[in-house]
């Protein structure tokens, strides 16, 4: 098997405008632009966990490195994993006539898109797995409207190949997902298609919220050979609980990116969320420069990096196959075992 390359992003639109200056950030509400030479940038983050925090880091770095950095004021607000809170934040930003709104994760993007509808405020999303299914763009190549951004579609072929290499006897892969997260529903369908072609069965277990995770994880872990995680915000913010139930059943959990692997998953074909955020940030700078958001194709991840947790591999007595000898190796983060 070929060594997996570092995450790459395909964007047909050129991303320019660089030059290092300072960019301010605050958690309060500020007014919209006071002149043509200043911009108020809203950021709605669905919730705080390492992957989404990395998205924001990338966005902020891109804005700081832009030629208009000294003209930008950032208002970053956290939705605390609650769609209603995201709705309120988005409506307030629109009412204050912010110049642009970045939205990190699908629920935040849906809130921003709805609030900005029928206004001239562009929405730039980050880490939305299937923006077409979410109803916020018409097409990946030609988004339309006043919205575009980046997608974190997972490479399930590479992920399943990794699972099969580490567990050659695997037959059933479990998936815990949140039924209300459009990105998870879309990813589940894609994973099923890939797994079926490889002769594997996907056993799914849906949850509605955090309170459902412990019992659902225990039930799922008793039925499968391993569990594969998506970029499901509810599940990943409760990763510790999922890992506890899987460990009790004696099965590993595979993550969708490096933070999950560092925090206790066995391996992943990992997404670089800081890089994703940087591209998202650059797209917003381009829009502030006058480009219509709806004409910028959605950026997509095309491949990832194989990452393995050597501590967890030892725990399960799994030896790293030669095909993955060059995989990035991490050890368990003993201070914080929650991810995404």
C-alpha atoms as a PDB file:
ATOM      1  CA  UNK A   1       0.000   0.000   0.000  1.00  0.00           C
ATOM      2  CA  UNK A   2       1.346   3.450  -0.857  1.00  0.00           C
ATOM      3  CA  UNK A   3       2.257   5.794   1.940  1.00  0.00           C
ATOM      4  CA  UNK A   4      -0.527   8.282   2.537  1.00  0.00           C
ATOM      5  CA  UNK A   5       0.421  11.833   1.703  1.00  0.00           C
ATOM      6  CA  UNK A   6      -0.149  14.881   3.850  1.00  0.00           C
ATOM      7  CA  UNK A   7      -3.568  16.488   3.636  1.00  0.00           C
ATOM      8  CA  UNK A   8      -4.070  18.397   0.405  1.00  0.00           C
ATOM      9  CA  UNK A   9      -6.774  20.876  -0.482  1.00  0.00           C
ATOM     10  CA  UNK A  10      -8.201  21.460  -3.938  1.00  0.00           C
ATOM     11  CA  UNK A  11      -9.366  24.985  -4.609  1.00  0.00           C
ATOM     12  CA  UNK A  12      -9.698  26.285  -8.122  1.00  0.00           C
ATOM     13  CA  UNK A  13      -9.824  29.900  -6.951  1.00  0.00           C
ATOM     14  CA  UNK A  14      -6.469  31.549  -6.174  1.00  0.00           C
ATOM     15  CA  UNK A  15      -5.886  32.586  -2.577  1.00  0.00           C
ATOM     16  CA  UNK A  16      -3.832  35.758  -2.340  1.00  0.00           C
ATOM     17  CA  UNK A  17      -3.549  38.736  -0.039  1.00  0.00           C
ATOM     18  CA  UNK A  18      -0.720  38.162   2.419  1.00  0.00           C
ATOM     19  CA  UNK A  19       1.331  40.386   4.739  1.00  0.00           C
ATOM     20  CA  UNK A  20       1.787  39.927   8.465  1.00  0.00           C
ATOM     21  CA  UNK A  21       0.086  42.314  10.880  1.00  0.00           C
ATOM     22  CA  UNK A  22      -1.932  41.944  14.044  1.00  0.00           C
ATOM     23  CA  UNK A  23      -5.580  40.894  14.170  1.00  0.00           C
ATOM     24  CA  UNK A  24      -7.705  41.468  17.267  1.00  0.00           C
ATOM     25  CA  UNK A  25     -10.103  38.975  18.823  1.00  0.00           C
ATOM     26  CA  UNK A  26     -12.793  39.314  21.475  1.00  0.00           C
ATOM     27  CA  UNK A  27     -15.728  37.410  22.875  1.00  0.00           C
ATOM     28  CA  UNK A  28     -18.145  40.295  23.097  1.00  0.00           C
ATOM     29  CA  UNK A  29     -20.415  41.906  20.542  1.00  0.00           C
ATOM     30  CA  UNK A  30     -19.083  44.751  18.448  1.00  0.00           C
ATOM     31  CA  UNK A  31     -20.667  46.921  15.824  1.00  0.00           C
ATOM     32  CA  UNK A  32     -20.301  46.374  12.104  1.00  0.00           C
ATOM     33  CA  UNK A  33     -17.803  48.181   9.890  1.00  0.00           C
ATOM     34  CA  UNK A  34     -17.277  51.805  10.771  1.00  0.00           C
ATOM     35  CA  UNK A  35     -15.702  52.589   7.402  1.00  0.00           C
ATOM     36  CA  UNK A  36     -14.836  50.991   4.114  1.00  0.00           C
ATOM     37  CA  UNK A  37     -11.362  50.348   5.516  1.00  0.00           C
ATOM     38  CA  UNK A  38     -12.427  48.282   8.539  1.00  0.00           C
ATOM     39  CA  UNK A  39     -14.182  44.946   8.845  1.00  0.00           C
ATOM     40  CA  UNK A  40     -16.052  43.223  11.635  1.00  0.00           C
ATOM     41  CA  UNK A  41     -15.684  39.479  11.242  1.00  0.00           C
ATOM     42  CA  UNK A  42     -18.020  37.153  13.111  1.00  0.00           C
ATOM     43  CA  UNK A  43     -16.969  33.586  13.933  1.00  0.00           C
ATOM     44  CA  UNK A  44     -19.544  31.088  15.187  1.00  0.00           C
ATOM     45  CA  UNK A  45     -17.940  27.900  16.500  1.00  0.00           C
ATOM     46  CA  UNK A  46     -20.452  25.139  17.198  1.00  0.00           C
ATOM     47  CA  UNK A  47     -18.545  24.127  20.319  1.00  0.00           C
ATOM     48  CA  UNK A  48     -15.073  23.789  21.735  1.00  0.00           C
ATOM     49  CA  UNK A  49     -13.112  20.610  21.171  1.00  0.00           C
ATOM     50  CA  UNK A  50      -9.621  20.171  19.656  1.00  0.00           C
ATOM     51  CA  UNK A  51     -10.617  19.705  16.017  1.00  0.00           C
ATOM     52  CA  UNK A  52     -12.919  22.719  15.892  1.00  0.00           C
ATOM     53  CA  UNK A  53     -10.441  24.767  17.929  1.00  0.00           C
ATOM     54  CA  UNK A  54      -7.834  23.888  15.296  1.00  0.00           C
ATOM     55  CA  UNK A  55     -10.198  25.138  12.590  1.00  0.00           C
ATOM     56  CA  UNK A  56     -10.434  28.484  14.343  1.00  0.00           C
ATOM     57  CA  UNK A  57      -6.653  28.598  14.807  1.00  0.00           C
ATOM     58  CA  UNK A  58      -6.220  28.210  11.054  1.00  0.00           C
ATOM     59  CA  UNK A  59      -8.821  30.874  10.268  1.00  0.00           C
ATOM     60  CA  UNK A  60      -7.209  33.300  12.690  1.00  0.00           C
ATOM     61  CA  UNK A  61      -3.731  32.628  11.278  1.00  0.00           C
ATOM     62  CA  UNK A  62      -4.979  33.317   7.758  1.00  0.00           C
ATOM     63  CA  UNK A  63      -6.608  36.577   8.810  1.00  0.00           C
ATOM     64  CA  UNK A  64      -3.479  37.623  10.729  1.00  0.00           C
ATOM     65  CA  UNK A  65      -1.345  36.948   7.654  1.00  0.00           C
ATOM     66  CA  UNK A  66      -3.577  38.886   5.261  1.00  0.00           C
ATOM     67  CA  UNK A  67      -2.884  42.344   3.905  1.00  0.00           C
ATOM     68  CA  UNK A  68      -5.997  43.663   5.663  1.00  0.00           C
ATOM     69  CA  UNK A  69      -5.213  42.182   9.085  1.00  0.00           C
ATOM     70  CA  UNK A  70      -4.917  45.550  10.821  1.00  0.00           C
ATOM     71  CA  UNK A  71      -8.403  46.472   9.559  1.00  0.00           C
ATOM     72  CA  UNK A  72     -10.131  43.395  10.993  1.00  0.00           C
ATOM     73  CA  UNK A  73     -11.888  42.953  14.317  1.00  0.00           C
ATOM     74  CA  UNK A  74     -12.912  39.370  15.151  1.00  0.00           C
ATOM     75  CA  UNK A  75     -15.906  38.492  17.287  1.00  0.00           C
ATOM     76  CA  UNK A  76     -15.616  34.772  18.014  1.00  0.00           C
ATOM     77  CA  UNK A  77     -18.557  33.179  19.819  1.00  0.00           C
ATOM     78  CA  UNK A  78     -19.126  29.613  21.023  1.00  0.00           C
ATOM     79  CA  UNK A  79     -22.427  27.838  20.455  1.00  0.00           C
ATOM     80  CA  UNK A  80     -21.760  25.325  23.247  1.00  0.00           C
ATOM     81  CA  UNK A  81     -22.912  22.496  20.952  1.00  0.00           C
ATOM     82  CA  UNK A  82     -26.434  23.911  20.895  1.00  0.00           C
ATOM     83  CA  UNK A  83     -28.087  24.806  17.596  1.00  0.00           C
ATOM     84  CA  UNK A  84     -30.520  27.235  19.215  1.00  0.00           C
ATOM     85  CA  UNK A  85     -27.593  29.148  20.702  1.00  0.00           C
ATOM     86  CA  UNK A  86     -25.939  29.254  17.281  1.00  0.00           C
ATOM     87  CA  UNK A  87     -29.187  30.601  15.826  1.00  0.00           C
ATOM     88  CA  UNK A  88     -29.221  33.430  18.363  1.00  0.00           C
ATOM     89  CA  UNK A  89     -25.566  34.297  17.802  1.00  0.00           C
ATOM     90  CA  UNK A  90     -26.038  34.342  14.035  1.00  0.00           C
ATOM     91  CA  UNK A  91     -29.135  36.546  14.211  1.00  0.00           C
ATOM     92  CA  UNK A  92     -27.295  39.017  16.439  1.00  0.00           C
ATOM     93  CA  UNK A  93     -24.338  39.190  14.062  1.00  0.00           C
ATOM     94  CA  UNK A  94     -26.654  39.781  11.133  1.00  0.00           C
ATOM     95  CA  UNK A  95     -28.589  42.446  13.041  1.00  0.00           C
ATOM     96  CA  UNK A  96     -25.311  44.253  13.761  1.00  0.00           C
ATOM     97  CA  UNK A  97     -24.446  44.027  10.051  1.00  0.00           C
ATOM     98  CA  UNK A  98     -21.152  42.213  10.377  1.00  0.00           C
ATOM     99  CA  UNK A  99     -19.136  42.224   7.182  1.00  0.00           C
ATOM    100  CA  UNK A 100     -18.705  38.444   7.037  1.00  0.00           C
ATOM    101  CA  UNK A 101     -19.524  35.414   9.163  1.00  0.00           C
ATOM    102  CA  UNK A 102     -17.338  32.348   9.477  1.00  0.00           C
ATOM    103  CA  UNK A 103     -19.141  29.251  10.747  1.00  0.00           C
ATOM    104  CA  UNK A 104     -17.232  26.259  12.099  1.00  0.00           C
ATOM    105  CA  UNK A 105     -19.031  22.865  11.840  1.00  0.00           C
ATOM    106  CA  UNK A 106     -22.303  22.011  10.121  1.00  0.00           C
ATOM    107  CA  UNK A 107     -24.844  23.150  12.771  1.00  0.00           C
ATOM    108  CA  UNK A 108     -23.157  26.554  13.066  1.00  0.00           C
ATOM    109  CA  UNK A 109     -23.055  26.868   9.275  1.00  0.00           C
ATOM    110  CA  UNK A 110     -26.769  26.105   8.988  1.00  0.00           C
ATOM    111  CA  UNK A 111     -27.538  28.778  11.606  1.00  0.00           C
ATOM    112  CA  UNK A 112     -25.378  31.396   9.894  1.00  0.00           C
ATOM    113  CA  UNK A 113     -26.755  30.586   6.456  1.00  0.00           C
ATOM    114  CA  UNK A 114     -30.373  30.916   7.640  1.00  0.00           C
ATOM    115  CA  UNK A 115     -29.731  34.155   9.501  1.00  0.00           C
ATOM    116  CA  UNK A 116     -27.870  35.780   6.602  1.00  0.00           C
ATOM    117  CA  UNK A 117     -30.414  34.756   3.972  1.00  0.00           C
ATOM    118  CA  UNK A 118     -31.835  37.772   2.130  1.00  0.00           C
ATOM    119  CA  UNK A 119     -28.917  39.953   3.279  1.00  0.00           C
ATOM    120  CA  UNK A 120     -25.614  40.818   1.620  1.00  0.00           C
ATOM    121  CA  UNK A 121     -23.566  39.264   4.454  1.00  0.00           C
ATOM    122  CA  UNK A 122     -21.447  36.379   3.130  1.00  0.00           C
ATOM    123  CA  UNK A 123     -21.086  33.134   5.086  1.00  0.00           C
ATOM    124  CA  UNK A 124     -17.852  31.129   4.919  1.00  0.00           C
ATOM    125  CA  UNK A 125     -18.101  27.701   6.528  1.00  0.00           C
ATOM    126  CA  UNK A 126     -15.387  25.383   7.779  1.00  0.00           C
ATOM    127  CA  UNK A 127     -15.461  21.614   8.453  1.00  0.00           C
ATOM    128  CA  UNK A 128     -18.852  20.937   6.874  1.00  0.00           C
ATOM    129  CA  UNK A 129     -18.741  17.360   5.603  1.00  0.00           C
ATOM    130  CA  UNK A 130     -21.578  17.614   3.076  1.00  0.00           C
ATOM    131  CA  UNK A 131     -22.661  21.222   2.461  1.00  0.00           C
ATOM    132  CA  UNK A 132     -24.971  20.185  -0.373  1.00  0.00           C
ATOM    133  CA  UNK A 133     -26.888  17.762   1.869  1.00  0.00           C
ATOM    134  CA  UNK A 134     -26.938  20.439   4.575  1.00  0.00           C
ATOM    135  CA  UNK A 135     -28.679  22.751   2.103  1.00  0.00           C
ATOM    136  CA  UNK A 136     -26.184  25.617   2.296  1.00  0.00           C
ATOM    137  CA  UNK A 137     -24.705  25.352  -1.223  1.00  0.00           C
ATOM    138  CA  UNK A 138     -26.191  24.290  -4.533  1.00  0.00           C
ATOM    139  CA  UNK A 139     -23.099  22.509  -5.806  1.00  0.00           C
ATOM    140  CA  UNK A 140     -19.531  21.929  -4.621  1.00  0.00           C
ATOM    141  CA  UNK A 141     -18.060  23.518  -7.751  1.00  0.00           C
ATOM    142  CA  UNK A 142     -20.564  26.361  -8.017  1.00  0.00           C
ATOM    143  CA  UNK A 143     -22.011  27.041  -4.540  1.00  0.00           C
ATOM    144  CA  UNK A 144     -24.328  29.847  -5.641  1.00  0.00           C
ATOM    145  CA  UNK A 145     -25.877  32.402  -3.326  1.00  0.00           C
ATOM    146  CA  UNK A 146     -23.574  34.148  -0.873  1.00  0.00           C
ATOM    147  CA  UNK A 147     -21.995  31.148   0.835  1.00  0.00           C
ATOM    148  CA  UNK A 148     -18.955  28.912   0.388  1.00  0.00           C
ATOM    149  CA  UNK A 149     -16.256  27.305   2.517  1.00  0.00           C
ATOM    150  CA  UNK A 150     -14.367  24.077   3.135  1.00  0.00           C
ATOM    151  CA  UNK A 151     -15.479  20.485   3.550  1.00  0.00           C
ATOM    152  CA  UNK A 152     -13.884  17.793   5.708  1.00  0.00           C
ATOM    153  CA  UNK A 153     -15.149  14.803   3.737  1.00  0.00           C
ATOM    154  CA  UNK A 154     -13.344  11.739   5.029  1.00  0.00           C
ATOM    155  CA  UNK A 155     -11.404   9.268   2.889  1.00  0.00           C
ATOM    156  CA  UNK A 156     -13.277   6.130   3.918  1.00  0.00           C
ATOM    157  CA  UNK A 157     -11.420   3.901   1.470  1.00  0.00           C
ATOM    158  CA  UNK A 158      -8.146   4.745   3.168  1.00  0.00           C
ATOM    159  CA  UNK A 159      -9.709   4.521   6.621  1.00  0.00           C
ATOM    160  CA  UNK A 160     -11.197   1.060   6.059  1.00  0.00           C
ATOM    161  CA  UNK A 161      -7.930  -0.136   4.530  1.00  0.00           C
ATOM    162  CA  UNK A 162      -6.177   1.003   7.701  1.00  0.00           C
ATOM    163  CA  UNK A 163      -8.677  -0.859   9.898  1.00  0.00           C
ATOM    164  CA  UNK A 164      -8.283  -4.033   7.869  1.00  0.00           C
ATOM    165  CA  UNK A 165      -4.492  -3.790   8.047  1.00  0.00           C
ATOM    166  CA  UNK A 166      -4.465  -3.447  11.830  1.00  0.00           C
ATOM    167  CA  UNK A 167      -7.272  -5.998  12.348  1.00  0.00           C
ATOM    168  CA  UNK A 168      -7.118  -8.538   9.481  1.00  0.00           C
ATOM    169  CA  UNK A 169      -9.952 -10.588  10.998  1.00  0.00           C
ATOM    170  CA  UNK A 170     -12.365  -7.648  11.247  1.00  0.00           C
ATOM    171  CA  UNK A 171     -15.921  -8.363  10.078  1.00  0.00           C
ATOM    172  CA  UNK A 172     -18.129  -5.795  11.791  1.00  0.00           C
ATOM    173  CA  UNK A 173     -17.339  -2.116  12.235  1.00  0.00           C
ATOM    174  CA  UNK A 174     -19.513  -0.173  14.649  1.00  0.00           C
ATOM    175  CA  UNK A 175     -20.553   3.451  14.186  1.00  0.00           C
ATOM    176  CA  UNK A 176     -21.998   5.678  16.895  1.00  0.00           C
ATOM    177  CA  UNK A 177     -23.548   8.787  15.379  1.00  0.00           C
ATOM    178  CA  UNK A 178     -25.944  11.625  16.147  1.00  0.00           C
ATOM    179  CA  UNK A 179     -29.123  11.318  14.119  1.00  0.00           C
ATOM    180  CA  UNK A 180     -29.662  15.093  13.960  1.00  0.00           C
ATOM    181  CA  UNK A 181     -26.179  15.852  12.560  1.00  0.00           C
ATOM    182  CA  UNK A 182     -26.519  15.982   8.776  1.00  0.00           C
ATOM    183  CA  UNK A 183     -22.789  15.468   8.344  1.00  0.00           C
ATOM    184  CA  UNK A 184     -22.902  12.192  10.278  1.00  0.00           C
ATOM    185  CA  UNK A 185     -25.870  10.836   8.350  1.00  0.00           C
ATOM    186  CA  UNK A 186     -24.073  11.593   5.085  1.00  0.00           C
ATOM    187  CA  UNK A 187     -20.806  10.051   6.297  1.00  0.00           C
ATOM    188  CA  UNK A 188     -22.596   6.917   7.454  1.00  0.00           C
ATOM    189  CA  UNK A 189     -24.006   6.340   3.983  1.00  0.00           C
ATOM    190  CA  UNK A 190     -20.566   6.781   2.428  1.00  0.00           C
ATOM    191  CA  UNK A 191     -18.898   4.430   4.901  1.00  0.00           C
ATOM    192  CA  UNK A 192     -21.519   1.757   4.305  1.00  0.00           C
ATOM    193  CA  UNK A 193     -20.878   1.860   0.574  1.00  0.00           C
ATOM    194  CA  UNK A 194     -17.115   1.524   1.021  1.00  0.00           C
ATOM    195  CA  UNK A 195     -17.354  -1.213   3.648  1.00  0.00           C
ATOM    196  CA  UNK A 196     -19.813  -3.254   1.615  1.00  0.00           C
ATOM    197  CA  UNK A 197     -17.446  -3.270  -1.352  1.00  0.00           C
ATOM    198  CA  UNK A 198     -14.749  -4.660   0.924  1.00  0.00           C
ATOM    199  CA  UNK A 199     -17.001  -7.354   2.392  1.00  0.00           C
ATOM    200  CA  UNK A 200     -17.467  -5.702   5.781  1.00  0.00           C
ATOM    201  CA  UNK A 201     -20.637  -4.957   7.741  1.00  0.00           C
ATOM    202  CA  UNK A 202     -21.381  -1.588   9.319  1.00  0.00           C
ATOM    203  CA  UNK A 203     -23.373  -1.800  12.547  1.00  0.00           C
ATOM    204  CA  UNK A 204     -24.876   1.601  13.344  1.00  0.00           C
ATOM    205  CA  UNK A 205     -26.167   2.996  16.622  1.00  0.00           C
ATOM    206  CA  UNK A 206     -27.860   6.388  16.572  1.00  0.00           C
ATOM    207  CA  UNK A 207     -28.059   8.813  19.498  1.00  0.00           C
ATOM    208  CA  UNK A 208     -29.879  12.087  19.969  1.00  0.00           C
ATOM    209  CA  UNK A 209     -27.633  13.745  22.530  1.00  0.00           C
ATOM    210  CA  UNK A 210     -24.824  13.356  25.049  1.00  0.00           C
ATOM    211  CA  UNK A 211     -27.062  11.581  27.577  1.00  0.00           C
ATOM    212  CA  UNK A 212     -27.564   8.706  25.122  1.00  0.00           C
ATOM    213  CA  UNK A 213     -23.871   8.035  24.530  1.00  0.00           C
ATOM    214  CA  UNK A 214     -22.960   5.762  27.496  1.00  0.00           C
ATOM    215  CA  UNK A 215     -25.671   3.138  26.956  1.00  0.00           C
ATOM    216  CA  UNK A 216     -25.518   3.330  23.178  1.00  0.00           C
ATOM    217  CA  UNK A 217     -21.737   2.932  23.210  1.00  0.00           C
ATOM    218  CA  UNK A 218     -21.950  -0.079  25.526  1.00  0.00           C
ATOM    219  CA  UNK A 219     -24.608  -1.715  23.368  1.00  0.00           C
ATOM    220  CA  UNK A 220     -22.670  -1.076  20.172  1.00  0.00           C
ATOM    221  CA  UNK A 221     -19.336  -2.262  21.581  1.00  0.00           C
ATOM    222  CA  UNK A 222     -20.836  -5.651  22.436  1.00  0.00           C
ATOM    223  CA  UNK A 223     -21.769  -6.302  18.799  1.00  0.00           C
ATOM    224  CA  UNK A 224     -18.694  -5.329  16.765  1.00  0.00           C
ATOM    225  CA  UNK A 225     -14.962  -5.875  16.258  1.00  0.00           C
ATOM    226  CA  UNK A 226     -14.117  -2.180  16.450  1.00  0.00           C
ATOM    227  CA  UNK A 227     -15.768   1.239  16.324  1.00  0.00           C
ATOM    228  CA  UNK A 228     -15.068   3.917  13.727  1.00  0.00           C
ATOM    229  CA  UNK A 229     -15.571   7.547  14.671  1.00  0.00           C
ATOM    230  CA  UNK A 230     -16.791  10.304  12.362  1.00  0.00           C
ATOM    231  CA  UNK A 231     -16.367  14.041  12.816  1.00  0.00           C
ATOM    232  CA  UNK A 232     -19.623  13.849  14.805  1.00  0.00           C
ATOM    233  CA  UNK A 233     -19.508  16.768  17.250  1.00  0.00           C
ATOM    234  CA  UNK A 234     -21.711  15.193  19.903  1.00  0.00           C
ATOM    235  CA  UNK A 235     -19.899  11.855  19.879  1.00  0.00           C
ATOM    236  CA  UNK A 236     -16.403  13.319  19.728  1.00  0.00           C
ATOM    237  CA  UNK A 237     -17.084  15.729  22.582  1.00  0.00           C
ATOM    238  CA  UNK A 238     -17.985  12.602  24.575  1.00  0.00           C
ATOM    239  CA  UNK A 239     -15.057  10.545  23.312  1.00  0.00           C
ATOM    240  CA  UNK A 240     -13.935   9.599  26.819  1.00  0.00           C
ATOM    241  CA  UNK A 241     -17.234   7.822  27.420  1.00  0.00           C
ATOM    242  CA  UNK A 242     -17.046   5.995  24.096  1.00  0.00           C
ATOM    243  CA  UNK A 243     -13.476   4.892  24.783  1.00  0.00           C
ATOM    244  CA  UNK A 244     -14.396   3.620  28.237  1.00  0.00           C
ATOM    245  CA  UNK A 245     -17.173   1.431  26.868  1.00  0.00           C
ATOM    246  CA  UNK A 246     -15.055   0.163  23.970  1.00  0.00           C
ATOM    247  CA  UNK A 247     -12.125  -0.643  26.247  1.00  0.00           C
ATOM    248  CA  UNK A 248     -14.442  -2.521  28.601  1.00  0.00           C
ATOM    249  CA  UNK A 249     -15.572  -4.620  25.634  1.00  0.00           C
ATOM    250  CA  UNK A 250     -11.983  -5.164  24.512  1.00  0.00           C
ATOM    251  CA  UNK A 251     -12.262  -3.436  21.126  1.00  0.00           C
ATOM    252  CA  UNK A 252     -10.396  -0.440  19.655  1.00  0.00           C
ATOM    253  CA  UNK A 253     -11.873   2.828  18.427  1.00  0.00           C
ATOM    254  CA  UNK A 254     -10.608   4.432  15.211  1.00  0.00           C
ATOM    255  CA  UNK A 255     -10.676   8.216  14.976  1.00  0.00           C
ATOM    256  CA  UNK A 256     -11.180  10.614  12.094  1.00  0.00           C
ATOM    257  CA  UNK A 257      -8.216  12.881  12.861  1.00  0.00           C
ATOM    258  CA  UNK A 258      -5.034  13.175  14.905  1.00  0.00           C
ATOM    259  CA  UNK A 259      -6.583  14.795  18.001  1.00  0.00           C
ATOM    260  CA  UNK A 260      -8.841  11.784  18.518  1.00  0.00           C
ATOM    261  CA  UNK A 261      -5.874   9.439  18.140  1.00  0.00           C
ATOM    262  CA  UNK A 262      -3.816  11.428  20.629  1.00  0.00           C
ATOM    263  CA  UNK A 263      -6.718  11.216  23.051  1.00  0.00           C
ATOM    264  CA  UNK A 264      -7.126   7.441  22.948  1.00  0.00           C
ATOM    265  CA  UNK A 265      -8.254   6.181  19.539  1.00  0.00           C
ATOM    266  CA  UNK A 266      -5.977   3.568  18.000  1.00  0.00           C
ATOM    267  CA  UNK A 267      -5.453   5.079  14.546  1.00  0.00           C
ATOM    268  CA  UNK A 268      -6.842   7.294  11.812  1.00  0.00           C
ATOM    269  CA  UNK A 269      -6.316   8.584   8.320  1.00  0.00           C
ATOM    270  CA  UNK A 270      -6.123  12.062   9.726  1.00  0.00           C
ATOM    271  CA  UNK A 271      -7.410  15.431   8.636  1.00  0.00           C
ATOM    272  CA  UNK A 272      -5.294  18.545   9.217  1.00  0.00           C
ATOM    273  CA  UNK A 273      -7.859  20.954  10.640  1.00  0.00           C
ATOM    274  CA  UNK A 274      -5.450  23.853  11.063  1.00  0.00           C
ATOM    275  CA  UNK A 275      -4.672  23.674   7.345  1.00  0.00           C
ATOM    276  CA  UNK A 276      -8.391  23.461   6.608  1.00  0.00           C
ATOM    277  CA  UNK A 277      -8.962  26.576   8.711  1.00  0.00           C
ATOM    278  CA  UNK A 278      -6.228  28.488   6.919  1.00  0.00           C
ATOM    279  CA  UNK A 279      -7.803  27.848   3.536  1.00  0.00           C
ATOM    280  CA  UNK A 280     -11.190  28.854   4.957  1.00  0.00           C
ATOM    281  CA  UNK A 281      -9.700  32.048   6.312  1.00  0.00           C
ATOM    282  CA  UNK A 282      -8.131  32.884   2.946  1.00  0.00           C
ATOM    283  CA  UNK A 283     -11.476  32.374   1.229  1.00  0.00           C
ATOM    284  CA  UNK A 284     -13.041  34.965   3.507  1.00  0.00           C
ATOM    285  CA  UNK A 285     -10.252  37.436   2.784  1.00  0.00           C
ATOM    286  CA  UNK A 286     -10.896  36.949  -0.917  1.00  0.00           C
ATOM    287  CA  UNK A 287     -14.598  37.664  -0.372  1.00  0.00           C
ATOM    288  CA  UNK A 288     -13.847  40.794   1.645  1.00  0.00           C
ATOM    289  CA  UNK A 289     -11.730  41.846  -1.330  1.00  0.00           C
ATOM    290  CA  UNK A 290     -14.777  41.791  -3.568  1.00  0.00           C
ATOM    291  CA  UNK A 291     -15.138  38.241  -4.885  1.00  0.00           C
ATOM    292  CA  UNK A 292     -18.639  36.785  -4.663  1.00  0.00           C
ATOM    293  CA  UNK A 293     -18.671  33.877  -2.197  1.00  0.00           C
ATOM    294  CA  UNK A 294     -21.019  31.857  -4.371  1.00  0.00           C
ATOM    295  CA  UNK A 295     -18.485  31.756  -7.204  1.00  0.00           C
ATOM    296  CA  UNK A 296     -15.696  30.184  -5.107  1.00  0.00           C
ATOM    297  CA  UNK A 297     -15.722  26.358  -5.234  1.00  0.00           C
ATOM    298  CA  UNK A 298     -15.941  24.511  -1.924  1.00  0.00           C
ATOM    299  CA  UNK A 299     -12.497  23.385  -0.776  1.00  0.00           C
ATOM    300  CA  UNK A 300     -12.129  19.652  -0.166  1.00  0.00           C
ATOM    301  CA  UNK A 301      -9.636  17.351   1.495  1.00  0.00           C
ATOM    302  CA  UNK A 302      -8.409  14.783  -1.008  1.00  0.00           C
ATOM    303  CA  UNK A 303      -6.146  12.609   1.125  1.00  0.00           C
ATOM    304  CA  UNK A 304      -4.865  12.345   4.643  1.00  0.00           C
ATOM    305  CA  UNK A 305      -2.083  11.164   6.895  1.00  0.00           C
ATOM    306  CA  UNK A 306      -2.042   7.794   8.610  1.00  0.00           C
ATOM    307  CA  UNK A 307      -1.662   8.311  12.361  1.00  0.00           C
ATOM    308  CA  UNK A 308      -1.350   5.563  14.987  1.00  0.00           C
ATOM    309  CA  UNK A 309      -1.322   5.628  18.783  1.00  0.00           C
ATOM    310  CA  UNK A 310       1.497   3.321  19.874  1.00  0.00           C
ATOM    311  CA  UNK A 311       0.190   3.110  23.445  1.00  0.00           C
ATOM    312  CA  UNK A 312      -3.222   1.879  22.313  1.00  0.00           C
ATOM    313  CA  UNK A 313      -1.699  -0.518  19.797  1.00  0.00           C
ATOM    314  CA  UNK A 314       0.334  -2.092  22.614  1.00  0.00           C
ATOM    315  CA  UNK A 315      -2.785  -2.267  24.776  1.00  0.00           C
ATOM    316  CA  UNK A 316      -4.523  -4.376  22.137  1.00  0.00           C
ATOM    317  CA  UNK A 317      -1.423  -6.344  21.153  1.00  0.00           C
ATOM    318  CA  UNK A 318      -1.489  -5.030  17.607  1.00  0.00           C
ATOM    319  CA  UNK A 319       1.723  -4.735  15.596  1.00  0.00           C
ATOM    320  CA  UNK A 320       2.084  -1.999  13.016  1.00  0.00           C
ATOM    321  CA  UNK A 321       2.018  -3.526   9.506  1.00  0.00           C
ATOM    322  CA  UNK A 322       4.927  -2.814   7.178  1.00  0.00           C
ATOM    323  CA  UNK A 323       2.627  -0.888   4.848  1.00  0.00           C
ATOM    324  CA  UNK A 324       2.166   1.700   7.602  1.00  0.00           C
ATOM    325  CA  UNK A 325       5.746   1.801   8.843  1.00  0.00           C
ATOM    326  CA  UNK A 326       5.941   5.493   7.954  1.00  0.00           C
ATOM    327  CA  UNK A 327       2.679   6.435   9.689  1.00  0.00           C
ATOM    328  CA  UNK A 328       2.839   9.328  12.126  1.00  0.00           C
ATOM    329  CA  UNK A 329       3.146   7.911  15.645  1.00  0.00           C
ATOM    330  CA  UNK A 330       1.664   9.519  18.741  1.00  0.00           C
ATOM    331  CA  UNK A 331       1.208   8.484  22.363  1.00  0.00           C
ATOM    332  CA  UNK A 332      -1.869   8.954  24.505  1.00  0.00           C
ATOM    333  CA  UNK A 333      -2.534  12.390  25.929  1.00  0.00           C
ATOM    334  CA  UNK A 334      -2.974  11.571  29.613  1.00  0.00           C
ATOM    335  CA  UNK A 335      -4.188  15.051  30.525  1.00  0.00           C
ATOM    336  CA  UNK A 336      -7.172  15.342  28.187  1.00  0.00           C
ATOM    337  CA  UNK A 337      -8.832  12.311  26.640  1.00  0.00           C
ATOM    338  CA  UNK A 338     -11.669  14.120  24.924  1.00  0.00           C
ATOM    339  CA  UNK A 339     -11.333  15.104  21.292  1.00  0.00           C
ATOM    340  CA  UNK A 340     -13.273  16.685  18.503  1.00  0.00           C
END
